[in-house]
Amino acid sequence: MKGQKDIESVLVAMLAKVPSVVVTQKLNSANFTVKKKVFAFTSGDRIVLKLPPDTVRNLVKVKAASMLVMGKRTMKEWVVIHLKNPSDAKKQSGLLKEAMIFVSSKA
């Protein structure tokens, strides 16, 4: 559990510095929003990101991420990335930025 909280802490610290990002805690996860829309959230030792379909396909293809499944439904624009330690969270800054831009651009 401590490793999970450390990963979450790193992500919160990274994203709380971005002026347009709002960080909230819900249940056992941190949610990251921009323009009142969620672009990422934590789930244990994972980060879940909303990304363009092409990026999702590429990440899944190279096995860098898996599709998010909610119940029986596979979410087309969401991927799950497993993080082994807090330094892995920092390596996701490019994808986090892409998720922010993607969600911000949606009407």
PDB file of N, CA and C in Angstrom:
ATOM      1  N   MET A   1       0.820  -1.209   0.000  1.00  0.00           N
ATOM      2  CA  MET A   1       0.000   0.000   0.000  1.00  0.00           C
ATOM      3  C   MET A   1       0.859   1.266   0.000  1.00  0.00           C
ATOM      4  N   LYS A   2       1.966   1.236   0.745  1.00  0.00           N
ATOM      5  CA  LYS A   2       2.825   2.422   0.811  1.00  0.00           C
ATOM      6  C   LYS A   2       3.317   2.819  -0.569  1.00  0.00           C
ATOM      7  N   GLY A   3       3.735   1.850  -1.393  1.00  0.00           N
ATOM      8  CA  GLY A   3       4.195   2.151  -2.740  1.00  0.00           C
ATOM      9  C   GLY A   3       3.127   2.820  -3.578  1.00  0.00           C
ATOM     10  N   GLN A   4       1.886   2.373  -3.403  1.00  0.00           N
ATOM     11  CA  GLN A   4       0.768   2.965  -4.138  1.00  0.00           C
ATOM     12  C   GLN A   4       0.583   4.417  -3.737  1.00  0.00           C
ATOM     13  N   LYS A   5       0.641   4.688  -2.446  1.00  0.00           N
ATOM     14  CA  LYS A   5       0.480   6.066  -1.970  1.00  0.00           C
ATOM     15  C   LYS A   5       1.642   6.939  -2.436  1.00  0.00           C
ATOM     16  N   ASP A   6       2.856   6.378  -2.480  1.00  0.00           N
ATOM     17  CA  ASP A   6       4.009   7.130  -2.969  1.00  0.00           C
ATOM     18  C   ASP A   6       3.821   7.504  -4.436  1.00  0.00           C
ATOM     19  N   ILE A   7       3.330   6.564  -5.234  1.00  0.00           N
ATOM     20  CA  ILE A   7       3.076   6.825  -6.655  1.00  0.00           C
ATOM     21  C   ILE A   7       2.034   7.932  -6.793  1.00  0.00           C
ATOM     22  N   GLU A   8       0.962   7.816  -6.033  1.00  0.00           N
ATOM     23  CA  GLU A   8      -0.086   8.836  -6.067  1.00  0.00           C
ATOM     24  C   GLU A   8       0.468  10.198  -5.650  1.00  0.00           C
ATOM     25  N   SER A   9       1.294  10.217  -4.613  1.00  0.00           N
ATOM     26  CA  SER A   9       1.884  11.473  -4.131  1.00  0.00           C
ATOM     27  C   SER A   9       2.730  12.145  -5.201  1.00  0.00           C
ATOM     28  N   VAL A  10       3.514  11.345  -5.932  1.00  0.00           N
ATOM     29  CA  VAL A  10       4.351  11.893  -7.006  1.00  0.00           C
ATOM     30  C   VAL A  10       3.465  12.506  -8.091  1.00  0.00           C
ATOM     31  N   LEU A  11       2.421  11.794  -8.488  1.00  0.00           N
ATOM     32  CA  LEU A  11       1.527  12.310  -9.531  1.00  0.00           C
ATOM     33  C   LEU A  11       0.810  13.582  -9.068  1.00  0.00           C
ATOM     34  N   VAL A  12       0.334  13.576  -7.834  1.00  0.00           N
ATOM     35  CA  VAL A  12      -0.339  14.765  -7.298  1.00  0.00           C
ATOM     36  C   VAL A  12       0.626  15.948  -7.277  1.00  0.00           C
ATOM     37  N   ALA A  13       1.836  15.726  -6.818  1.00  0.00           N
ATOM     38  CA  ALA A  13       2.827  16.804  -6.764  1.00  0.00           C
ATOM     39  C   ALA A  13       3.139  17.345  -8.163  1.00  0.00           C
ATOM     40  N   MET A  14       3.247  16.440  -9.132  1.00  0.00           N
ATOM     41  CA  MET A  14       3.538  16.865 -10.515  1.00  0.00           C
ATOM     42  C   MET A  14       2.396  17.697 -11.089  1.00  0.00           C
ATOM     43  N   LEU A  15       1.180  17.201 -10.939  1.00  0.00           N
ATOM     44  CA  LEU A  15       0.043  17.817 -11.618  1.00  0.00           C
ATOM     45  C   LEU A  15      -0.550  19.000 -10.864  1.00  0.00           C
ATOM     46  N   ALA A  16      -0.379  19.059  -9.562  1.00  0.00           N
ATOM     47  CA  ALA A  16      -0.905  20.181  -8.787  1.00  0.00           C
ATOM     48  C   ALA A  16      -0.214  21.488  -9.168  1.00  0.00           C
ATOM     49  N   LYS A  17       0.977  21.390  -9.754  1.00  0.00           N
ATOM     50  CA  LYS A  17       1.732  22.578 -10.170  1.00  0.00           C
ATOM     51  C   LYS A  17       1.202  23.183 -11.468  1.00  0.00           C
ATOM     52  N   VAL A  18       0.425  22.407 -12.229  1.00  0.00           N
ATOM     53  CA  VAL A  18      -0.089  22.881 -13.517  1.00  0.00           C
ATOM     54  C   VAL A  18      -1.322  23.743 -13.238  1.00  0.00           C
ATOM     55  N   PRO A  19      -1.294  25.025 -13.658  1.00  0.00           N
ATOM     56  CA  PRO A  19      -2.367  25.960 -13.305  1.00  0.00           C
ATOM     57  C   PRO A  19      -3.787  25.501 -13.678  1.00  0.00           C
ATOM     58  N   SER A  20      -3.969  24.852 -14.792  1.00  0.00           N
ATOM     59  CA  SER A  20      -5.323  24.489 -15.229  1.00  0.00           C
ATOM     60  C   SER A  20      -5.825  23.165 -14.653  1.00  0.00           C
ATOM     61  N   VAL A  21      -4.987  22.462 -13.899  1.00  0.00           N
ATOM     62  CA  VAL A  21      -5.342  21.140 -13.381  1.00  0.00           C
ATOM     63  C   VAL A  21      -5.908  21.247 -11.960  1.00  0.00           C
ATOM     64  N   VAL A  22      -7.016  20.528 -11.743  1.00  0.00           N
ATOM     65  CA  VAL A  22      -7.606  20.432 -10.410  1.00  0.00           C
ATOM     66  C   VAL A  22      -7.429  18.988  -9.948  1.00  0.00           C
ATOM     67  N   VAL A  23      -6.890  18.821  -8.752  1.00  0.00           N
ATOM     68  CA  VAL A  23      -6.671  17.494  -8.187  1.00  0.00           C
ATOM     69  C   VAL A  23      -7.683  17.286  -7.058  1.00  0.00           C
ATOM     70  N   THR A  24      -8.417  16.180  -7.125  1.00  0.00           N
ATOM     71  CA  THR A  24      -9.372  15.845  -6.069  1.00  0.00           C
ATOM     72  C   THR A  24      -9.161  14.399  -5.638  1.00  0.00           C
ATOM     73  N   GLN A  25      -9.529  14.107  -4.400  1.00  0.00           N
ATOM     74  CA  GLN A  25      -9.463  12.742  -3.884  1.00  0.00           C
ATOM     75  C   GLN A  25     -10.876  12.178  -3.870  1.00  0.00           C
ATOM     76  N   LYS A  26     -11.050  11.002  -4.452  1.00  0.00           N
ATOM     77  CA  LYS A  26     -12.335  10.318  -4.417  1.00  0.00           C
ATOM     78  C   LYS A  26     -12.077   8.879  -4.049  1.00  0.00           C
ATOM     79  N   LEU A  27     -12.737   8.411  -3.006  1.00  0.00           N
ATOM     80  CA  LEU A  27     -12.534   7.059  -2.500  1.00  0.00           C
ATOM     81  C   LEU A  27     -11.045   6.823  -2.297  1.00  0.00           C
ATOM     82  N   ASN A  28     -10.461   5.867  -3.003  1.00  0.00           N
ATOM     83  CA  ASN A  28      -9.037   5.559  -2.829  1.00  0.00           C
ATOM     84  C   ASN A  28      -8.205   5.991  -4.023  1.00  0.00           C
ATOM     85  N   SER A  29      -8.642   7.039  -4.714  1.00  0.00           N
ATOM     86  CA  SER A  29      -7.883   7.472  -5.882  1.00  0.00           C
ATOM     87  C   SER A  29      -7.812   8.991  -5.952  1.00  0.00           C
ATOM     88  N   ALA A  30      -6.830   9.456  -6.710  1.00  0.00           N
ATOM     89  CA  ALA A  30      -6.714  10.881  -7.006  1.00  0.00           C
ATOM     90  C   ALA A  30      -7.242  11.077  -8.420  1.00  0.00           C
ATOM     91  N   ASN A  31      -8.093  12.072  -8.597  1.00  0.00           N
ATOM     92  CA  ASN A  31      -8.626  12.399  -9.919  1.00  0.00           C
ATOM     93  C   ASN A  31      -8.004  13.703 -10.377  1.00  0.00           C
ATOM     94  N   PHE A  32      -7.657  13.752 -11.658  1.00  0.00           N
ATOM     95  CA  PHE A  32      -7.035  14.929 -12.244  1.00  0.00           C
ATOM     96  C   PHE A  32      -7.950  15.452 -13.341  1.00  0.00           C
ATOM     97  N   THR A  33      -8.375  16.712 -13.195  1.00  0.00           N
ATOM     98  CA  THR A  33      -9.307  17.286 -14.172  1.00  0.00           C
ATOM     99  C   THR A  33      -8.745  18.566 -14.770  1.00  0.00           C
ATOM    100  N   VAL A  34      -9.217  18.848 -15.959  1.00  0.00           N
ATOM    101  CA  VAL A  34      -8.931  20.099 -16.643  1.00  0.00           C
ATOM    102  C   VAL A  34     -10.253  20.512 -17.291  1.00  0.00           C
ATOM    103  N   LYS A  35     -10.634  21.768 -17.120  1.00  0.00           N
ATOM    104  CA  LYS A  35     -11.931  22.254 -17.605  1.00  0.00           C
ATOM    105  C   LYS A  35     -13.075  21.372 -17.107  1.00  0.00           C
ATOM    106  N   LYS A  36     -12.974  20.943 -15.860  1.00  0.00           N
ATOM    107  CA  LYS A  36     -13.981  20.116 -15.186  1.00  0.00           C
ATOM    108  C   LYS A  36     -14.171  18.738 -15.810  1.00  0.00           C
ATOM    109  N   LYS A  37     -13.194  18.287 -16.597  1.00  0.00           N
ATOM    110  CA  LYS A  37     -13.252  16.965 -17.222  1.00  0.00           C
ATOM    111  C   LYS A  37     -12.057  16.133 -16.754  1.00  0.00           C
ATOM    112  N   VAL A  38     -12.322  14.897 -16.382  1.00  0.00           N
ATOM    113  CA  VAL A  38     -11.261  14.004 -15.909  1.00  0.00           C
ATOM    114  C   VAL A  38     -10.381  13.585 -17.087  1.00  0.00           C
ATOM    115  N   PHE A  39      -9.067  13.726 -16.922  1.00  0.00           N
ATOM    116  CA  PHE A  39      -8.136  13.245 -17.945  1.00  0.00           C
ATOM    117  C   PHE A  39      -7.271  12.108 -17.406  1.00  0.00           C
ATOM    118  N   ALA A  40      -7.246  11.932 -16.077  1.00  0.00           N
ATOM    119  CA  ALA A  40      -6.462  10.857 -15.481  1.00  0.00           C
ATOM    120  C   ALA A  40      -6.936  10.608 -14.064  1.00  0.00           C
ATOM    121  N   PHE A  41      -6.704   9.383 -13.592  1.00  0.00           N
ATOM    122  CA  PHE A  41      -6.942   9.066 -12.195  1.00  0.00           C
ATOM    123  C   PHE A  41      -6.061   7.897 -11.791  1.00  0.00           C
ATOM    124  N   THR A  42      -5.827   7.810 -10.490  1.00  0.00           N
ATOM    125  CA  THR A  42      -5.022   6.709  -9.986  1.00  0.00           C
ATOM    126  C   THR A  42      -5.936   5.573  -9.555  1.00  0.00           C
ATOM    127  N   SER A  43      -5.388   4.388  -9.601  1.00  0.00           N
ATOM    128  CA  SER A  43      -6.104   3.194  -9.149  1.00  0.00           C
ATOM    129  C   SER A  43      -5.046   2.223  -8.634  1.00  0.00           C
ATOM    130  N   GLY A  44      -4.798   2.276  -7.339  1.00  0.00           N
ATOM    131  CA  GLY A  44      -3.737   1.449  -6.781  1.00  0.00           C
ATOM    132  C   GLY A  44      -2.391   1.859  -7.354  1.00  0.00           C
ATOM    133  N   ASP A  45      -1.674   0.907  -7.934  1.00  0.00           N
ATOM    134  CA  ASP A  45      -0.367   1.201  -8.525  1.00  0.00           C
ATOM    135  C   ASP A  45      -0.477   1.481 -10.027  1.00  0.00           C
ATOM    136  N   ARG A  46      -1.655   1.945 -10.428  1.00  0.00           N
ATOM    137  CA  ARG A  46      -1.889   2.225 -11.847  1.00  0.00           C
ATOM    138  C   ARG A  46      -2.335   3.670 -12.033  1.00  0.00           C
ATOM    139  N   ILE A  47      -2.045   4.182 -13.218  1.00  0.00           N
ATOM    140  CA  ILE A  47      -2.630   5.455 -13.622  1.00  0.00           C
ATOM    141  C   ILE A  47      -3.478   5.169 -14.854  1.00  0.00           C
ATOM    142  N   VAL A  48      -4.645   5.777 -14.872  1.00  0.00           N
ATOM    143  CA  VAL A  48      -5.584   5.593 -15.968  1.00  0.00           C
ATOM    144  C   VAL A  48      -5.678   6.931 -16.692  1.00  0.00           C
ATOM    145  N   LEU A  49      -5.474   6.907 -18.019  1.00  0.00           N
ATOM    146  CA  LEU A  49      -5.419   8.135 -18.814  1.00  0.00           C
ATOM    147  C   LEU A  49      -6.422   8.111 -19.963  1.00  0.00           C
ATOM    148  N   LYS A  50      -7.006   9.272 -20.244  1.00  0.00           N
ATOM    149  CA  LYS A  50      -7.874   9.426 -21.409  1.00  0.00           C
ATOM    150  C   LYS A  50      -7.021  10.031 -22.528  1.00  0.00           C
ATOM    151  N   LEU A  51      -6.882   9.286 -23.622  1.00  0.00           N
ATOM    152  CA  LEU A  51      -5.985   9.678 -24.705  1.00  0.00           C
ATOM    153  C   LEU A  51      -6.655   9.506 -26.064  1.00  0.00           C
ATOM    154  N   PRO A  52      -6.102  10.136 -27.105  1.00  0.00           N
ATOM    155  CA  PRO A  52      -6.645   9.953 -28.451  1.00  0.00           C
ATOM    156  C   PRO A  52      -6.595   8.473 -28.856  1.00  0.00           C
ATOM    157  N   PRO A  53      -7.582   8.020 -29.630  1.00  0.00           N
ATOM    158  CA  PRO A  53      -7.636   6.608 -30.036  1.00  0.00           C
ATOM    159  C   PRO A  53      -6.340   6.084 -30.668  1.00  0.00           C
ATOM    160  N   ASP A  54      -5.659   6.880 -31.479  1.00  0.00           N
ATOM    161  CA  ASP A  54      -4.403   6.425 -32.103  1.00  0.00           C
ATOM    162  C   ASP A  54      -3.339   6.144 -31.041  1.00  0.00           C
ATOM    163  N   THR A  55      -3.244   7.010 -30.051  1.00  0.00           N
ATOM    164  CA  THR A  55      -2.275   6.811 -28.969  1.00  0.00           C
ATOM    165  C   THR A  55      -2.631   5.566 -28.170  1.00  0.00           C
ATOM    166  N   VAL A  56      -3.918   5.397 -27.897  1.00  0.00           N
ATOM    167  CA  VAL A  56      -4.384   4.206 -27.169  1.00  0.00           C
ATOM    168  C   VAL A  56      -3.970   2.940 -27.915  1.00  0.00           C
ATOM    169  N   ARG A  57      -4.255   2.891 -29.212  1.00  0.00           N
ATOM    170  CA  ARG A  57      -3.907   1.718 -30.021  1.00  0.00           C
ATOM    171  C   ARG A  57      -2.404   1.443 -29.984  1.00  0.00           C
ATOM    172  N   ASN A  58      -1.604   2.492 -30.127  1.00  0.00           N
ATOM    173  CA  ASN A  58      -0.146   2.328 -30.136  1.00  0.00           C
ATOM    174  C   ASN A  58       0.375   1.820 -28.788  1.00  0.00           C
ATOM    175  N   LEU A  59      -0.132   2.355 -27.691  1.00  0.00           N
ATOM    176  CA  LEU A  59       0.318   1.915 -26.365  1.00  0.00           C
ATOM    177  C   LEU A  59      -0.049   0.461 -26.105  1.00  0.00           C
ATOM    178  N   VAL A  60      -1.254   0.079 -26.508  1.00  0.00           N
ATOM    179  CA  VAL A  60      -1.700  -1.303 -26.313  1.00  0.00           C
ATOM    180  C   VAL A  60      -0.900  -2.243 -27.215  1.00  0.00           C
ATOM    181  N   LYS A  61      -0.644  -1.790 -28.447  1.00  0.00           N
ATOM    182  CA  LYS A  61       0.097  -2.608 -29.412  1.00  0.00           C
ATOM    183  C   LYS A  61       1.495  -2.966 -28.902  1.00  0.00           C
ATOM    184  N   VAL A  62       2.170  -1.991 -28.298  1.00  0.00           N
ATOM    185  CA  VAL A  62       3.530  -2.239 -27.796  1.00  0.00           C
ATOM    186  C   VAL A  62       3.532  -2.725 -26.339  1.00  0.00           C
ATOM    187  N   LYS A  63       2.335  -3.008 -25.848  1.00  0.00           N
ATOM    188  CA  LYS A  63       2.157  -3.544 -24.489  1.00  0.00           C
ATOM    189  C   LYS A  63       2.653  -2.596 -23.393  1.00  0.00           C
ATOM    190  N   ALA A  64       2.596  -1.292 -23.657  1.00  0.00           N
ATOM    191  CA  ALA A  64       2.952  -0.302 -22.650  1.00  0.00           C
ATOM    192  C   ALA A  64       1.759   0.034 -21.762  1.00  0.00           C
ATOM    193  N   ALA A  65       0.562  -0.390 -22.213  1.00  0.00           N
ATOM    194  CA  ALA A  65      -0.666  -0.124 -21.472  1.00  0.00           C
ATOM    195  C   ALA A  65      -1.711  -1.151 -21.877  1.00  0.00           C
ATOM    196  N   SER A  66      -2.791  -1.180 -21.102  1.00  0.00           N
ATOM    197  CA  SER A  66      -3.921  -2.038 -21.456  1.00  0.00           C
ATOM    198  C   SER A  66      -5.182  -1.177 -21.506  1.00  0.00           C
ATOM    199  N   MET A  67      -6.190  -1.684 -22.160  1.00  0.00           N
ATOM    200  CA  MET A  67      -7.452  -0.964 -22.256  1.00  0.00           C
ATOM    201  C   MET A  67      -8.136  -0.964 -20.879  1.00  0.00           C
ATOM    202  N   LEU A  68      -8.859   0.101 -20.577  1.00  0.00           N
ATOM    203  CA  LEU A  68      -9.640   0.159 -19.350  1.00  0.00           C
ATOM    204  C   LEU A  68     -10.972  -0.549 -19.592  1.00  0.00           C
ATOM    205  N   VAL A  69     -11.288  -1.494 -18.731  1.00  0.00           N
ATOM    206  CA  VAL A  69     -12.563  -2.202 -18.815  1.00  0.00           C
ATOM    207  C   VAL A  69     -13.357  -1.872 -17.560  1.00  0.00           C
ATOM    208  N   MET A  70     -14.546  -1.334 -17.749  1.00  0.00           N
ATOM    209  CA  MET A  70     -15.454  -0.993 -16.649  1.00  0.00           C
ATOM    210  C   MET A  70     -16.644  -1.936 -16.742  1.00  0.00           C
ATOM    211  N   GLY A  71     -16.719  -2.899 -15.847  1.00  0.00           N
ATOM    212  CA  GLY A  71     -17.760  -3.923 -15.947  1.00  0.00           C
ATOM    213  C   GLY A  71     -17.479  -4.772 -17.174  1.00  0.00           C
ATOM    214  N   LYS A  72     -18.404  -4.760 -18.114  1.00  0.00           N
ATOM    215  CA  LYS A  72     -18.223  -5.506 -19.362  1.00  0.00           C
ATOM    216  C   LYS A  72     -17.855  -4.597 -20.520  1.00  0.00           C
ATOM    217  N   ARG A  73     -17.719  -3.318 -20.243  1.00  0.00           N
ATOM    218  CA  ARG A  73     -17.499  -2.330 -21.301  1.00  0.00           C
ATOM    219  C   ARG A  73     -16.025  -1.925 -21.397  1.00  0.00           C
ATOM    220  N   THR A  74     -15.467  -2.024 -22.602  1.00  0.00           N
ATOM    221  CA  THR A  74     -14.097  -1.565 -22.841  1.00  0.00           C
ATOM    222  C   THR A  74     -14.162  -0.100 -23.258  1.00  0.00           C
ATOM    223  N   MET A  75     -13.449   0.724 -22.534  1.00  0.00           N
ATOM    224  CA  MET A  75     -13.460   2.169 -22.784  1.00  0.00           C
ATOM    225  C   MET A  75     -12.445   2.499 -23.882  1.00  0.00           C
ATOM    226  N   LYS A  76     -12.923   3.001 -24.994  1.00  0.00           N
ATOM    227  CA  LYS A  76     -12.092   3.185 -26.189  1.00  0.00           C
ATOM    228  C   LYS A  76     -10.979   4.220 -26.038  1.00  0.00           C
ATOM    229  N   GLU A  77     -11.202   5.228 -25.225  1.00  0.00           N
ATOM    230  CA  GLU A  77     -10.218   6.307 -25.117  1.00  0.00           C
ATOM    231  C   GLU A  77      -9.434   6.275 -23.809  1.00  0.00           C
ATOM    232  N   TRP A  78      -9.519   5.172 -23.064  1.00  0.00           N
ATOM    233  CA  TRP A  78      -8.862   5.092 -21.766  1.00  0.00           C
ATOM    234  C   TRP A  78      -7.881   3.936 -21.723  1.00  0.00           C
ATOM    235  N   VAL A  79      -6.701   4.188 -21.168  1.00  0.00           N
ATOM    236  CA  VAL A  79      -5.703   3.135 -20.985  1.00  0.00           C
ATOM    237  C   VAL A  79      -5.269   3.074 -19.528  1.00  0.00           C
ATOM    238  N   VAL A  80      -4.777   1.908 -19.151  1.00  0.00           N
ATOM    239  CA  VAL A  80      -4.271   1.663 -17.807  1.00  0.00           C
ATOM    240  C   VAL A  80      -2.778   1.381 -17.916  1.00  0.00           C
ATOM    241  N   ILE A  81      -1.989   2.123 -17.156  1.00  0.00           N
ATOM    242  CA  ILE A  81      -0.545   1.922 -17.133  1.00  0.00           C
ATOM    243  C   ILE A  81      -0.151   1.516 -15.714  1.00  0.00           C
ATOM    244  N   HIS A  82       0.483   0.362 -15.594  1.00  0.00           N
ATOM    245  CA  HIS A  82       0.959  -0.121 -14.292  1.00  0.00           C
ATOM    246  C   HIS A  82       2.294   0.535 -13.976  1.00  0.00           C
ATOM    247  N   LEU A  83       2.411   1.028 -12.768  1.00  0.00           N
ATOM    248  CA  LEU A  83       3.628   1.695 -12.313  1.00  0.00           C
ATOM    249  C   LEU A  83       4.241   0.874 -11.188  1.00  0.00           C
ATOM    250  N   LYS A  84       5.499   0.538 -11.333  1.00  0.00           N
ATOM    251  CA  LYS A  84       6.157  -0.296 -10.322  1.00  0.00           C
ATOM    252  C   LYS A  84       6.670   0.508  -9.140  1.00  0.00           C
ATOM    253  N   ASN A  85       7.039   1.755  -9.385  1.00  0.00           N
ATOM    254  CA  ASN A  85       7.559   2.584  -8.299  1.00  0.00           C
ATOM    255  C   ASN A  85       7.326   4.061  -8.625  1.00  0.00           C
ATOM    256  N   PRO A  86       7.517   4.950  -7.658  1.00  0.00           N
ATOM    257  CA  PRO A  86       7.245   6.372  -7.872  1.00  0.00           C
ATOM    258  C   PRO A  86       7.999   6.994  -9.054  1.00  0.00           C
ATOM    259  N   SER A  87       9.218   6.536  -9.329  1.00  0.00           N
ATOM    260  CA  SER A  87       9.959   7.127 -10.461  1.00  0.00           C
ATOM    261  C   SER A  87       9.293   6.803 -11.796  1.00  0.00           C
ATOM    262  N   ASP A  88       8.554   5.683 -11.863  1.00  0.00           N
ATOM    263  CA  ASP A  88       7.802   5.368 -13.087  1.00  0.00           C
ATOM    264  C   ASP A  88       6.718   6.407 -13.345  1.00  0.00           C
ATOM    265  N   ALA A  89       6.170   6.975 -12.281  1.00  0.00           N
ATOM    266  CA  ALA A  89       5.128   7.995 -12.436  1.00  0.00           C
ATOM    267  C   ALA A  89       5.673   9.217 -13.171  1.00  0.00           C
ATOM    268  N   LYS A  90       6.895   9.609 -12.822  1.00  0.00           N
ATOM    269  CA  LYS A  90       7.505  10.778 -13.465  1.00  0.00           C
ATOM    270  C   LYS A  90       7.738  10.550 -14.962  1.00  0.00           C
ATOM    271  N   LYS A  91       7.951   9.308 -15.344  1.00  0.00           N
ATOM    272  CA  LYS A  91       8.202   8.984 -16.745  1.00  0.00           C
ATOM    273  C   LYS A  91       6.956   9.131 -17.610  1.00  0.00           C
ATOM    274  N   GLN A  92       5.803   9.319 -16.994  1.00  0.00           N
ATOM    275  CA  GLN A  92       4.550   9.419 -17.744  1.00  0.00           C
ATOM    276  C   GLN A  92       4.153  10.872 -18.043  1.00  0.00           C
ATOM    277  N   SER A  93       5.047  11.814 -17.798  1.00  0.00           N
ATOM    278  CA  SER A  93       4.688  13.230 -17.971  1.00  0.00           C
ATOM    279  C   SER A  93       4.236  13.559 -19.390  1.00  0.00           C
ATOM    280  N   GLY A  94       4.854  12.946 -20.392  1.00  0.00           N
ATOM    281  CA  GLY A  94       4.444  13.207 -21.779  1.00  0.00           C
ATOM    282  C   GLY A  94       3.025  12.737 -22.051  1.00  0.00           C
ATOM    283  N   LEU A  95       2.686  11.546 -21.556  1.00  0.00           N
ATOM    284  CA  LEU A  95       1.329  11.036 -21.742  1.00  0.00           C
ATOM    285  C   LEU A  95       0.320  11.830 -20.916  1.00  0.00           C
ATOM    286  N   LEU A  96       0.713  12.270 -19.739  1.00  0.00           N
ATOM    287  CA  LEU A  96      -0.178  13.104 -18.932  1.00  0.00           C
ATOM    288  C   LEU A  96      -0.488  14.415 -19.658  1.00  0.00           C
ATOM    289  N   LYS A  97       0.540  15.009 -20.251  1.00  0.00           N
ATOM    290  CA  LYS A  97       0.337  16.245 -21.003  1.00  0.00           C
ATOM    291  C   LYS A  97      -0.569  15.990 -22.206  1.00  0.00           C
ATOM    292  N   GLU A  98      -0.347  14.889 -22.908  1.00  0.00           N
ATOM    293  CA  GLU A  98      -1.181  14.552 -24.055  1.00  0.00           C
ATOM    294  C   GLU A  98      -2.637  14.352 -23.625  1.00  0.00           C
ATOM    295  N   ALA A  99      -2.843  13.716 -22.477  1.00  0.00           N
ATOM    296  CA  ALA A  99      -4.202  13.502 -21.960  1.00  0.00           C
ATOM    297  C   ALA A  99      -4.864  14.843 -21.631  1.00  0.00           C
ATOM    298  N   MET A 100      -4.118  15.758 -21.007  1.00  0.00           N
ATOM    299  CA  MET A 100      -4.661  17.084 -20.688  1.00  0.00           C
ATOM    300  C   MET A 100      -5.094  17.821 -21.952  1.00  0.00           C
ATOM    301  N   ILE A 101      -4.231  17.806 -22.948  1.00  0.00           N
ATOM    302  CA  ILE A 101      -4.528  18.495 -24.217  1.00  0.00           C
ATOM    303  C   ILE A 101      -5.731  17.853 -24.897  1.00  0.00           C
ATOM    304  N   PHE A 102      -5.763  16.523 -24.927  1.00  0.00           N
ATOM    305  CA  PHE A 102      -6.857  15.804 -25.559  1.00  0.00           C
ATOM    306  C   PHE A 102      -8.201  16.135 -24.903  1.00  0.00           C
ATOM    307  N   VAL A 103      -8.257  16.080 -23.589  1.00  0.00           N
ATOM    308  CA  VAL A 103      -9.506  16.363 -22.885  1.00  0.00           C
ATOM    309  C   VAL A 103      -9.879  17.838 -23.014  1.00  0.00           C
ATOM    310  N   SER A 104      -8.889  18.728 -22.973  1.00  0.00           N
ATOM    311  CA  SER A 104      -9.154  20.162 -23.111  1.00  0.00           C
ATOM    312  C   SER A 104      -9.742  20.513 -24.471  1.00  0.00           C
ATOM    313  N   SER A 105      -9.362  19.758 -25.481  1.00  0.00           N
ATOM    314  CA  SER A 105      -9.802  20.069 -26.843  1.00  0.00           C
ATOM    315  C   SER A 105     -11.228  19.586 -27.127  1.00  0.00           C
ATOM    316  N   LYS A 106     -11.771  18.751 -26.261  1.00  0.00           N
ATOM    317  CA  LYS A 106     -13.122  18.220 -26.475  1.00  0.00           C
ATOM    318  C   LYS A 106     -14.156  19.272 -26.058  1.00  0.00           C
ATOM    319  N   ALA A 107     -15.196  19.372 -26.862  1.00  0.00           N
ATOM    320  CA  ALA A 107     -16.253  20.372 -26.584  1.00  0.00           C
ATOM    321  C   ALA A 107     -17.064  20.017 -25.359  1.00  0.00           C
TER     322      ALA A 107
END
